[in-house]
PDB file of N, CA and C in Angstrom:
ATOM      1  N   MET A   1    -132.342 -45.478  49.618  1.00  0.00           N
ATOM      2  CA  MET A   1    -131.922 -45.424  48.050  1.00  0.00           C
ATOM      3  C   MET A   1    -133.292 -46.729  47.709  1.00  0.00           C
ATOM      4  N   LYS A   2    -133.085 -46.786  46.331  1.00  0.00           N
ATOM      5  CA  LYS A   2    -133.860 -47.175  45.482  1.00  0.00           C
ATOM      6  C   LYS A   2    -133.071 -48.097  44.345  1.00  0.00           C
ATOM      7  N   GLY A   3    -133.596 -49.369  43.742  1.00  0.00           N
ATOM      8  CA  GLY A   3    -133.458 -50.144  42.936  1.00  0.00           C
ATOM      9  C   GLY A   3    -132.094 -51.012  42.199  1.00  0.00           C
ATOM     10  N   ASN A   4    -132.957 -51.655  41.224  1.00  0.00           N
ATOM     11  CA  ASN A   4    -132.844 -53.170  40.584  1.00  0.00           C
ATOM     12  C   ASN A   4    -131.466 -54.258  41.559  1.00  0.00           C
ATOM     13  N   LEU A   5    -132.710 -54.567  42.535  1.00  0.00           N
ATOM     14  CA  LEU A   5    -131.275 -55.948  42.821  1.00  0.00           C
ATOM     15  C   LEU A   5    -129.849 -56.438  42.099  1.00  0.00           C
ATOM     16  N   ARG A   6    -129.583 -56.217  41.622  1.00  0.00           N
ATOM     17  CA  ARG A   6    -128.167 -55.954  40.958  1.00  0.00           C
ATOM     18  C   ARG A   6    -127.849 -54.834  41.747  1.00  0.00           C
ATOM     19  N   ASP A   7    -128.065 -54.152  41.055  1.00  0.00           N
ATOM     20  CA  ASP A   7    -128.477 -53.227  41.349  1.00  0.00           C
ATOM     21  C   ASP A   7    -126.932 -52.680  43.389  1.00  0.00           C
ATOM     22  N   LEU A   8    -128.499 -53.042  44.025  1.00  0.00           N
ATOM     23  CA  LEU A   8    -128.044 -53.315  45.345  1.00  0.00           C
ATOM     24  C   LEU A   8    -127.015 -53.434  45.815  1.00  0.00           C
ATOM     25  N   GLU A   9    -126.694 -55.159  45.094  1.00  0.00           N
ATOM     26  CA  GLU A   9    -125.919 -56.042  45.486  1.00  0.00           C
ATOM     27  C   GLU A   9    -124.619 -55.251  44.568  1.00  0.00           C
ATOM     28  N   GLU A  10    -124.163 -54.992  43.776  1.00  0.00           N
ATOM     29  CA  GLU A  10    -123.531 -54.606  43.696  1.00  0.00           C
ATOM     30  C   GLU A  10    -122.920 -52.996  44.269  1.00  0.00           C
ATOM     31  N   LYS A  11    -123.572 -52.990  44.725  1.00  0.00           N
ATOM     32  CA  LYS A  11    -123.636 -50.995  45.521  1.00  0.00           C
ATOM     33  C   LYS A  11    -123.298 -51.908  47.069  1.00  0.00           C
ATOM     34  N   GLY A  12    -122.725 -53.120  47.059  1.00  0.00           N
ATOM     35  CA  GLY A  12    -123.102 -53.749  48.900  1.00  0.00           C
ATOM     36  C   GLY A  12    -123.811 -53.163  50.104  1.00  0.00           C
ATOM     37  N   LEU A  13    -125.609 -52.820  49.402  1.00  0.00           N
ATOM     38  CA  LEU A  13    -126.049 -52.932  50.672  1.00  0.00           C
ATOM     39  C   LEU A  13    -126.466 -53.507  50.651  1.00  0.00           C
ATOM     40  N   VAL A  14    -127.384 -54.807  49.581  1.00  0.00           N
ATOM     41  CA  VAL A  14    -128.328 -56.059  50.287  1.00  0.00           C
ATOM     42  C   VAL A  14    -126.943 -57.373  50.293  1.00  0.00           C
ATOM     43  N   THR A  15    -128.175 -58.356  51.064  1.00  0.00           N
ATOM     44  CA  THR A  15    -127.792 -59.619  50.270  1.00  0.00           C
ATOM     45  C   THR A  15    -128.532 -60.267  50.768  1.00  0.00           C
ATOM     46  N   ARG A  16    -128.781 -61.845  50.853  1.00  0.00           N
ATOM     47  CA  ARG A  16    -130.285 -62.942  50.199  1.00  0.00           C
ATOM     48  C   ARG A  16    -129.144 -63.977  52.041  1.00  0.00           C
ATOM     49  N   GLU A  17    -130.386 -63.625  53.625  1.00  0.00           N
ATOM     50  CA  GLU A  17    -129.849 -65.054  53.963  1.00  0.00           C
ATOM     51  C   GLU A  17    -130.536 -66.325  54.120  1.00  0.00           C
ATOM     52  N   GLY A  18    -130.468 -67.012  53.982  1.00  0.00           N
ATOM     53  CA  GLY A  18    -131.697 -67.976  53.218  1.00  0.00           C
ATOM     54  C   GLY A  18    -131.782 -69.049  51.849  1.00  0.00           C
ATOM     55  N   GLY A  19    -131.871 -70.095  52.122  1.00  0.00           N
ATOM     56  CA  GLY A  19    -132.207 -70.128  50.319  1.00  0.00           C
ATOM     57  C   GLY A  19    -131.161 -71.346  50.175  1.00  0.00           C
ATOM     58  N   LEU A  20    -131.350 -71.721  48.705  1.00  0.00           N
ATOM     59  CA  LEU A  20    -130.444 -73.342  48.728  1.00  0.00           C
ATOM     60  C   LEU A  20    -129.228 -72.520  46.687  1.00  0.00           C
ATOM     61  N   PHE A  21    -128.358 -72.172  47.584  1.00  0.00           N
ATOM     62  CA  PHE A  21    -127.587 -72.477  46.682  1.00  0.00           C
ATOM     63  C   PHE A  21    -127.939 -70.492  45.025  1.00  0.00           C
ATOM     64  N   GLY A  22    -127.934 -69.815  46.033  1.00  0.00           N
ATOM     65  CA  GLY A  22    -128.497 -69.181  45.684  1.00  0.00           C
ATOM     66  C   GLY A  22    -130.055 -68.295  45.494  1.00  0.00           C
ATOM     67  N   ILE A  23    -131.090 -69.567  45.405  1.00  0.00           N
ATOM     68  CA  ILE A  23    -132.488 -69.339  45.076  1.00  0.00           C
ATOM     69  C   ILE A  23    -132.648 -68.816  46.225  1.00  0.00           C
ATOM     70  N   GLY A  24    -133.793 -68.188  46.981  1.00  0.00           N
ATOM     71  CA  GLY A  24    -134.760 -68.047  47.936  1.00  0.00           C
ATOM     72  C   GLY A  24    -134.064 -67.286  48.370  1.00  0.00           C
ATOM     73  N   GLY A  25    -134.562 -67.120  50.047  1.00  0.00           N
ATOM     74  CA  GLY A  25    -133.950 -66.010  51.193  1.00  0.00           C
ATOM     75  C   GLY A  25    -134.732 -65.113  51.165  1.00  0.00           C
ATOM     76  N   LYS A  26    -134.334 -64.184  51.798  1.00  0.00           N
ATOM     77  CA  LYS A  26    -134.367 -62.939  51.858  1.00  0.00           C
ATOM     78  C   LYS A  26    -133.792 -62.030  52.324  1.00  0.00           C
ATOM     79  N   LEU A  27    -133.818 -60.578  51.375  1.00  0.00           N
ATOM     80  CA  LEU A  27    -132.953 -60.334  50.785  1.00  0.00           C
ATOM     81  C   LEU A  27    -133.205 -59.389  52.399  1.00  0.00           C
ATOM     82  N   ARG A  28    -132.047 -58.746  52.678  1.00  0.00           N
ATOM     83  CA  ARG A  28    -131.503 -57.854  54.013  1.00  0.00           C
ATOM     84  C   ARG A  28    -130.407 -56.330  54.161  1.00  0.00           C
ATOM     85  N   LEU A  29    -130.669 -55.904  54.451  1.00  0.00           N
ATOM     86  CA  LEU A  29    -128.793 -55.366  54.220  1.00  0.00           C
ATOM     87  C   LEU A  29    -128.066 -55.135  55.417  1.00  0.00           C
ATOM     88  N   MET A  30    -126.146 -55.234  54.553  1.00  0.00           N
ATOM     89  CA  MET A  30    -125.993 -55.552  54.879  1.00  0.00           C
ATOM     90  C   MET A  30    -125.902 -54.685  56.620  1.00  0.00           C
ATOM     91  N   ALA A  31    -124.846 -54.925  57.107  1.00  0.00           N
ATOM     92  CA  ALA A  31    -124.572 -55.149  58.291  1.00  0.00           C
ATOM     93  C   ALA A  31    -123.673 -53.636  58.032  1.00  0.00           C
ATOM     94  N   ASP A  32    -122.453 -53.983  57.055  1.00  0.00           N
ATOM     95  CA  ASP A  32    -121.700 -53.362  56.975  1.00  0.00           C
ATOM     96  C   ASP A  32    -121.019 -52.043  55.789  1.00  0.00           C
ATOM     97  N   PHE A  33    -122.838 -52.133  55.838  1.00  0.00           N
ATOM     98  CA  PHE A  33    -122.473 -50.796  54.289  1.00  0.00           C
ATOM     99  C   PHE A  33    -121.446 -49.139  54.337  1.00  0.00           C
ATOM    100  N   ASN A  34    -121.742 -48.597  52.520  1.00  0.00           N
ATOM    101  CA  ASN A  34    -120.796 -47.454  52.957  1.00  0.00           C
ATOM    102  C   ASN A  34    -122.814 -46.634  53.257  1.00  0.00           C
ATOM    103  N   ASP A  35    -122.954 -45.776  54.148  1.00  0.00           N
ATOM    104  CA  ASP A  35    -124.079 -45.591  54.364  1.00  0.00           C
ATOM    105  C   ASP A  35    -124.033 -43.558  53.816  1.00  0.00           C
ATOM    106  N   ASP A  36    -122.625 -43.279  52.321  1.00  0.00           N
ATOM    107  CA  ASP A  36    -122.707 -41.957  52.031  1.00  0.00           C
ATOM    108  C   ASP A  36    -123.456 -42.282  50.739  1.00  0.00           C
ATOM    109  N   GLN A  37    -123.923 -43.495  50.019  1.00  0.00           N
ATOM    110  CA  GLN A  37    -125.275 -44.279  49.026  1.00  0.00           C
ATOM    111  C   GLN A  37    -126.244 -43.033  49.577  1.00  0.00           C
ATOM    112  N   PHE A  38    -126.768 -42.933  50.285  1.00  0.00           N
ATOM    113  CA  PHE A  38    -128.017 -42.573  51.043  1.00  0.00           C
ATOM    114  C   PHE A  38    -128.353 -41.315  50.477  1.00  0.00           C
ATOM    115  N   THR A  39    -129.274 -40.658  50.452  1.00  0.00           N
ATOM    116  CA  THR A  39    -129.393 -39.259  50.509  1.00  0.00           C
ATOM    117  C   THR A  39    -129.699 -39.024  52.354  1.00  0.00           C
ATOM    118  N   LYS A  40    -129.153 -38.237  52.789  1.00  0.00           N
ATOM    119  CA  LYS A  40    -129.895 -38.130  54.582  1.00  0.00           C
ATOM    120  C   LYS A  40    -131.268 -36.621  53.569  1.00  0.00           C
ATOM    121  N   VAL A  41    -132.343 -36.798  54.580  1.00  0.00           N
ATOM    122  CA  VAL A  41    -133.332 -36.473  54.679  1.00  0.00           C
ATOM    123  C   VAL A  41    -133.431 -35.902  56.275  1.00  0.00           C
ATOM    124  N   ASP A  42    -135.029 -34.334  56.372  1.00  0.00           N
ATOM    125  CA  ASP A  42    -135.672 -34.821  58.336  1.00  0.00           C
ATOM    126  C   ASP A  42    -136.465 -35.887  57.660  1.00  0.00           C
ATOM    127  N   ILE A  43    -136.264 -36.410  58.597  1.00  0.00           N
ATOM    128  CA  ILE A  43    -137.608 -37.885  58.094  1.00  0.00           C
ATOM    129  C   ILE A  43    -139.035 -36.913  58.916  1.00  0.00           C
ATOM    130  N   SER A  44    -139.046 -36.284  59.881  1.00  0.00           N
ATOM    131  CA  SER A  44    -139.769 -35.645  59.799  1.00  0.00           C
ATOM    132  C   SER A  44    -140.691 -34.825  58.848  1.00  0.00           C
ATOM    133  N   GLU A  45    -139.921 -34.669  58.249  1.00  0.00           N
ATOM    134  CA  GLU A  45    -140.461 -34.170  56.105  1.00  0.00           C
ATOM    135  C   GLU A  45    -140.659 -34.702  55.458  1.00  0.00           C
ATOM    136  N   PHE A  46    -139.647 -35.785  55.157  1.00  0.00           N
ATOM    137  CA  PHE A  46    -139.942 -36.873  54.417  1.00  0.00           C
ATOM    138  C   PHE A  46    -141.689 -37.434  54.217  1.00  0.00           C
ATOM    139  N   GLY A  47    -142.124 -36.868  53.026  1.00  0.00           N
ATOM    140  CA  GLY A  47    -143.300 -37.553  53.320  1.00  0.00           C
ATOM    141  C   GLY A  47    -143.159 -38.945  52.165  1.00  0.00           C
ATOM    142  N   GLN A  48    -142.778 -39.115  50.831  1.00  0.00           N
ATOM    143  CA  GLN A  48    -143.165 -39.789  49.602  1.00  0.00           C
ATOM    144  C   GLN A  48    -141.329 -40.264  49.300  1.00  0.00           C
ATOM    145  N   ILE A  49    -141.624 -41.696  48.700  1.00  0.00           N
ATOM    146  CA  ILE A  49    -140.957 -42.496  47.733  1.00  0.00           C
ATOM    147  C   ILE A  49    -140.948 -42.339  46.574  1.00  0.00           C
ATOM    148  N   GLU A  50    -140.331 -41.406  45.737  1.00  0.00           N
ATOM    149  CA  GLU A  50    -140.747 -41.625  44.244  1.00  0.00           C
ATOM    150  C   GLU A  50    -139.944 -42.757  43.923  1.00  0.00           C
ATOM    151  N   LEU A  51    -141.054 -43.801  43.122  1.00  0.00           N
ATOM    152  CA  LEU A  51    -140.473 -45.186  43.008  1.00  0.00           C
ATOM    153  C   LEU A  51    -141.236 -45.207  40.555  1.00  0.00           C
ATOM    154  N   ASN A  52    -141.444 -45.598  40.330  1.00  0.00           N
ATOM    155  CA  ASN A  52    -142.076 -45.048  38.602  1.00  0.00           C
ATOM    156  C   ASN A  52    -141.481 -46.427  38.611  1.00  0.00           C
ATOM    157  N   ALA A  53    -142.022 -47.184  38.981  1.00  0.00           N
ATOM    158  CA  ALA A  53    -141.832 -49.094  38.240  1.00  0.00           C
ATOM    159  C   ALA A  53    -143.352 -50.134  38.291  1.00  0.00           C
ATOM    160  N   ARG A  54    -142.808 -50.584  37.716  1.00  0.00           N
ATOM    161  CA  ARG A  54    -143.738 -52.020  37.546  1.00  0.00           C
ATOM    162  C   ARG A  54    -144.177 -53.240  38.368  1.00  0.00           C
ATOM    163  N   LYS A  55    -142.880 -53.085  38.983  1.00  0.00           N
ATOM    164  CA  LYS A  55    -142.938 -53.432  40.357  1.00  0.00           C
ATOM    165  C   LYS A  55    -141.987 -53.364  41.422  1.00  0.00           C
ATOM    166  N   ALA A  56    -141.795 -53.344  42.562  1.00  0.00           N
ATOM    167  CA  ALA A  56    -141.646 -52.608  44.014  1.00  0.00           C
ATOM    168  C   ALA A  56    -141.357 -53.479  45.174  1.00  0.00           C
ATOM    169  N   ARG A  57    -140.294 -53.445  45.955  1.00  0.00           N
ATOM    170  CA  ARG A  57    -140.656 -54.086  47.709  1.00  0.00           C
ATOM    171  C   ARG A  57    -139.725 -53.575  48.707  1.00  0.00           C
ATOM    172  N   LEU A  58    -140.120 -53.927  49.518  1.00  0.00           N
ATOM    173  CA  LEU A  58    -139.073 -52.133  50.793  1.00  0.00           C
ATOM    174  C   LEU A  58    -138.528 -53.764  51.319  1.00  0.00           C
ATOM    175  N   ILE A  59    -137.233 -53.617  51.460  1.00  0.00           N
ATOM    176  CA  ILE A  59    -136.344 -53.978  51.659  1.00  0.00           C
ATOM    177  C   ILE A  59    -136.269 -53.636  53.065  1.00  0.00           C
ATOM    178  N   THR A  60    -136.016 -52.632  53.560  1.00  0.00           N
ATOM    179  CA  THR A  60    -135.966 -52.220  55.171  1.00  0.00           C
ATOM    180  C   THR A  60    -137.190 -52.784  55.540  1.00  0.00           C
ATOM    181  N   ASP A  61    -137.782 -53.113  56.411  1.00  0.00           N
ATOM    182  CA  ASP A  61    -138.042 -53.667  58.240  1.00  0.00           C
ATOM    183  C   ASP A  61    -138.789 -51.838  58.215  1.00  0.00           C
ATOM    184  N   HIS A  62    -139.858 -51.562  58.272  1.00  0.00           N
ATOM    185  CA  HIS A  62    -140.889 -51.592  58.731  1.00  0.00           C
ATOM    186  C   HIS A  62    -141.916 -51.517  58.953  1.00  0.00           C
ATOM    187  N   PRO A  63    -142.855 -50.336  59.667  1.00  0.00           N
ATOM    188  CA  PRO A  63    -144.563 -51.199  60.162  1.00  0.00           C
ATOM    189  C   PRO A  63    -145.306 -51.106  59.216  1.00  0.00           C
ATOM    190  N   LEU A  64    -145.812 -52.355  58.168  1.00  0.00           N
ATOM    191  CA  LEU A  64    -146.670 -52.755  57.505  1.00  0.00           C
ATOM    192  C   LEU A  64    -148.167 -51.490  58.145  1.00  0.00           C
ATOM    193  N   ASN A  65    -148.684 -50.802  58.457  1.00  0.00           N
ATOM    194  CA  ASN A  65    -149.937 -49.268  58.857  1.00  0.00           C
ATOM    195  C   ASN A  65    -148.875 -48.978  59.192  1.00  0.00           C
ATOM    196  N   SER A  66    -147.729 -48.454  58.628  1.00  0.00           N
ATOM    197  CA  SER A  66    -146.679 -46.340  58.736  1.00  0.00           C
ATOM    198  C   SER A  66    -146.128 -46.366  56.592  1.00  0.00           C
ATOM    199  N   TYR A  67    -145.856 -47.284  56.378  1.00  0.00           N
ATOM    200  CA  TYR A  67    -147.067 -46.535  54.937  1.00  0.00           C
ATOM    201  C   TYR A  67    -148.175 -47.258  53.945  1.00  0.00           C
ATOM    202  N   GLU A  68    -147.561 -47.056  53.090  1.00  0.00           N
ATOM    203  CA  GLU A  68    -149.189 -47.239  51.496  1.00  0.00           C
ATOM    204  C   GLU A  68    -147.987 -47.257  50.171  1.00  0.00           C
ATOM    205  N   ILE A  69    -147.810 -48.747  49.574  1.00  0.00           N
ATOM    206  CA  ILE A  69    -146.941 -48.094  48.725  1.00  0.00           C
ATOM    207  C   ILE A  69    -148.454 -48.107  47.413  1.00  0.00           C
ATOM    208  N   VAL A  70    -147.878 -46.414  46.639  1.00  0.00           N
ATOM    209  CA  VAL A  70    -149.605 -46.257  45.833  1.00  0.00           C
ATOM    210  C   VAL A  70    -149.210 -46.356  44.302  1.00  0.00           C
ATOM    211  N   SER A  71    -150.358 -46.919  43.698  1.00  0.00           N
ATOM    212  CA  SER A  71    -150.158 -47.184  42.178  1.00  0.00           C
ATOM    213  C   SER A  71    -151.130 -46.118  41.772  1.00  0.00           C
ATOM    214  N   ASN A  72    -150.725 -45.880  40.395  1.00  0.00           N
ATOM    215  CA  ASN A  72    -150.843 -45.367  38.741  1.00  0.00           C
ATOM    216  C   ASN A  72    -151.522 -46.281  38.257  1.00  0.00           C
ATOM    217  N   ASP A  73    -152.880 -47.733  37.407  1.00  0.00           N
ATOM    218  CA  ASP A  73    -152.469 -48.261  36.616  1.00  0.00           C
ATOM    219  C   ASP A  73    -151.794 -49.554  36.683  1.00  0.00           C
ATOM    220  N   SER A  74    -151.235 -50.214  36.283  1.00  0.00           N
ATOM    221  CA  SER A  74    -149.575 -50.356  36.676  1.00  0.00           C
ATOM    222  C   SER A  74    -148.931 -50.488  35.998  1.00  0.00           C
ATOM    223  N   LEU A  75    -148.621 -49.285  37.423  1.00  0.00           N
ATOM    224  CA  LEU A  75    -147.295 -48.928  37.523  1.00  0.00           C
ATOM    225  C   LEU A  75    -147.563 -47.994  39.046  1.00  0.00           C
ATOM    226  N   ILE A  76    -146.341 -48.406  40.212  1.00  0.00           N
ATOM    227  CA  ILE A  76    -145.889 -48.249  41.380  1.00  0.00           C
ATOM    228  C   ILE A  76    -145.455 -46.852  40.595  1.00  0.00           C
ATOM    229  N   THR A  77    -146.080 -45.982  41.257  1.00  0.00           N
ATOM    230  CA  THR A  77    -145.879 -44.384  41.233  1.00  0.00           C
ATOM    231  C   THR A  77    -144.514 -43.731  42.495  1.00  0.00           C
ATOM    232  N   TYR A  78    -145.148 -44.640  43.398  1.00  0.00           N
ATOM    233  CA  TYR A  78    -144.442 -43.637  44.749  1.00  0.00           C
ATOM    234  C   TYR A  78    -144.896 -44.129  46.004  1.00  0.00           C
ATOM    235  N   LEU A  79    -143.833 -44.561  47.309  1.00  0.00           N
ATOM    236  CA  LEU A  79    -143.942 -45.005  48.464  1.00  0.00           C
ATOM    237  C   LEU A  79    -144.498 -44.061  49.916  1.00  0.00           C
ATOM    238  N   GLU A  80    -145.724 -43.681  49.976  1.00  0.00           N
ATOM    239  CA  GLU A  80    -145.731 -42.781  50.942  1.00  0.00           C
ATOM    240  C   GLU A  80    -145.577 -43.429  52.175  1.00  0.00           C
ATOM    241  N   ILE A  81    -145.041 -42.026  52.912  1.00  0.00           N
ATOM    242  CA  ILE A  81    -144.896 -42.217  54.267  1.00  0.00           C
ATOM    243  C   ILE A  81    -145.862 -41.825  54.932  1.00  0.00           C
ATOM    244  N   LYS A  82    -147.465 -42.631  55.779  1.00  0.00           N
ATOM    245  CA  LYS A  82    -147.728 -41.998  56.533  1.00  0.00           C
ATOM    246  C   LYS A  82    -147.514 -41.822  58.094  1.00  0.00           C
ATOM    247  N   ASP A  83    -146.328 -42.237  58.814  1.00  0.00           N
ATOM    248  CA  ASP A  83    -147.020 -42.432  59.950  1.00  0.00           C
ATOM    249  C   ASP A  83    -145.192 -42.155  59.881  1.00  0.00           C
ATOM    250  N   PRO A  84    -144.173 -41.174  59.722  1.00  0.00           N
ATOM    251  CA  PRO A  84    -143.049 -41.360  59.978  1.00  0.00           C
ATOM    252  C   PRO A  84    -142.638 -41.553  61.101  1.00  0.00           C
ATOM    253  N   GLY A  85    -142.336 -41.086  62.876  1.00  0.00           N
ATOM    254  CA  GLY A  85    -142.438 -40.925  63.919  1.00  0.00           C
ATOM    255  C   GLY A  85    -141.940 -43.436  63.392  1.00  0.00           C
ATOM    256  N   GLU A  86    -143.279 -44.231  62.836  1.00  0.00           N
ATOM    257  CA  GLU A  86    -143.102 -45.727  63.117  1.00  0.00           C
ATOM    258  C   GLU A  86    -142.532 -45.764  61.920  1.00  0.00           C
ATOM    259  N   PHE A  87    -142.383 -45.605  61.076  1.00  0.00           N
ATOM    260  CA  PHE A  87    -141.932 -46.020  60.123  1.00  0.00           C
ATOM    261  C   PHE A  87    -140.472 -45.787  59.772  1.00  0.00           C
ATOM    262  N   TRP A  88    -139.778 -44.895  60.514  1.00  0.00           N
ATOM    263  CA  TRP A  88    -138.659 -44.802  60.758  1.00  0.00           C
ATOM    264  C   TRP A  88    -138.277 -45.681  62.234  1.00  0.00           C
ATOM    265  N   LYS A  89    -139.031 -46.080  62.634  1.00  0.00           N
ATOM    266  CA  LYS A  89    -138.194 -47.143  64.157  1.00  0.00           C
ATOM    267  C   LYS A  89    -137.541 -47.508  64.354  1.00  0.00           C
ATOM    268  N   ILE A  90    -137.709 -48.982  63.670  1.00  0.00           N
ATOM    269  CA  ILE A  90    -136.896 -49.765  62.819  1.00  0.00           C
ATOM    270  C   ILE A  90    -135.759 -49.416  63.149  1.00  0.00           C
ATOM    271  N   SER A  91    -135.746 -49.173  62.088  1.00  0.00           N
ATOM    272  CA  SER A  91    -134.495 -48.722  60.564  1.00  0.00           C
ATOM    273  C   SER A  91    -134.750 -47.302  60.018  1.00  0.00           C
ATOM    274  N   ARG A  92    -133.319 -46.619  60.075  1.00  0.00           N
ATOM    275  CA  ARG A  92    -132.873 -44.643  59.774  1.00  0.00           C
ATOM    276  C   ARG A  92    -132.671 -45.513  58.202  1.00  0.00           C
ATOM    277  N   TYR A  93    -133.106 -45.778  58.176  1.00  0.00           N
ATOM    278  CA  TYR A  93    -133.105 -46.551  56.717  1.00  0.00           C
ATOM    279  C   TYR A  93    -133.000 -47.209  55.437  1.00  0.00           C
ATOM    280  N   ALA A  94    -134.329 -46.222  54.324  1.00  0.00           N
ATOM    281  CA  ALA A  94    -135.106 -47.572  53.626  1.00  0.00           C
ATOM    282  C   ALA A  94    -134.526 -47.354  52.175  1.00  0.00           C
ATOM    283  N   VAL A  95    -134.426 -48.651  51.961  1.00  0.00           N
ATOM    284  CA  VAL A  95    -134.247 -49.559  50.736  1.00  0.00           C
ATOM    285  C   VAL A  95    -134.615 -50.026  50.390  1.00  0.00           C
ATOM    286  N   VAL A  96    -135.678 -49.500  48.722  1.00  0.00           N
ATOM    287  CA  VAL A  96    -136.595 -50.440  47.974  1.00  0.00           C
ATOM    288  C   VAL A  96    -136.386 -51.807  46.741  1.00  0.00           C
ATOM    289  N   GLU A  97    -136.456 -52.443  46.637  1.00  0.00           N
ATOM    290  CA  GLU A  97    -136.055 -52.900  45.124  1.00  0.00           C
ATOM    291  C   GLU A  97    -137.327 -53.249  44.451  1.00  0.00           C
ATOM    292  N   THR A  98    -137.307 -52.261  43.276  1.00  0.00           N
ATOM    293  CA  THR A  98    -137.585 -51.671  41.334  1.00  0.00           C
ATOM    294  C   THR A  98    -137.198 -53.044  40.882  1.00  0.00           C
ATOM    295  N   LYS A  99    -137.860 -52.934  40.043  1.00  0.00           N
ATOM    296  CA  LYS A  99    -137.951 -53.621  38.678  1.00  0.00           C
ATOM    297  C   LYS A  99    -138.605 -52.211  37.392  1.00  0.00           C
ATOM    298  N   LYS A 100    -138.073 -52.808  36.168  1.00  0.00           N
ATOM    299  CA  LYS A 100    -139.105 -51.310  35.513  1.00  0.00           C
ATOM    300  C   LYS A 100    -140.030 -51.980  34.089  1.00  0.00           C
TER     301      LYS A 100
END
């Protein structure tokens, strides 16, 4: 799932932990989200997430060495999953915050 922060919050997918008065803190995947909003994929064959955004950050936890964020000039084009076994080990969901 990808989208801007407002969309992800409205869909009940992410929450902010820590911070003060809604500022700062870390974004986390909600514990009781509706997984019908996600596209089901065969993780052994799913190799990239198209982003086409000015900025992007992965909200769900995945090992840093298992993926690469690929840019073209000033645009982040996609997230490449280099090691699917490692990428999906911590979380079976991928949530990316994007900014156009």
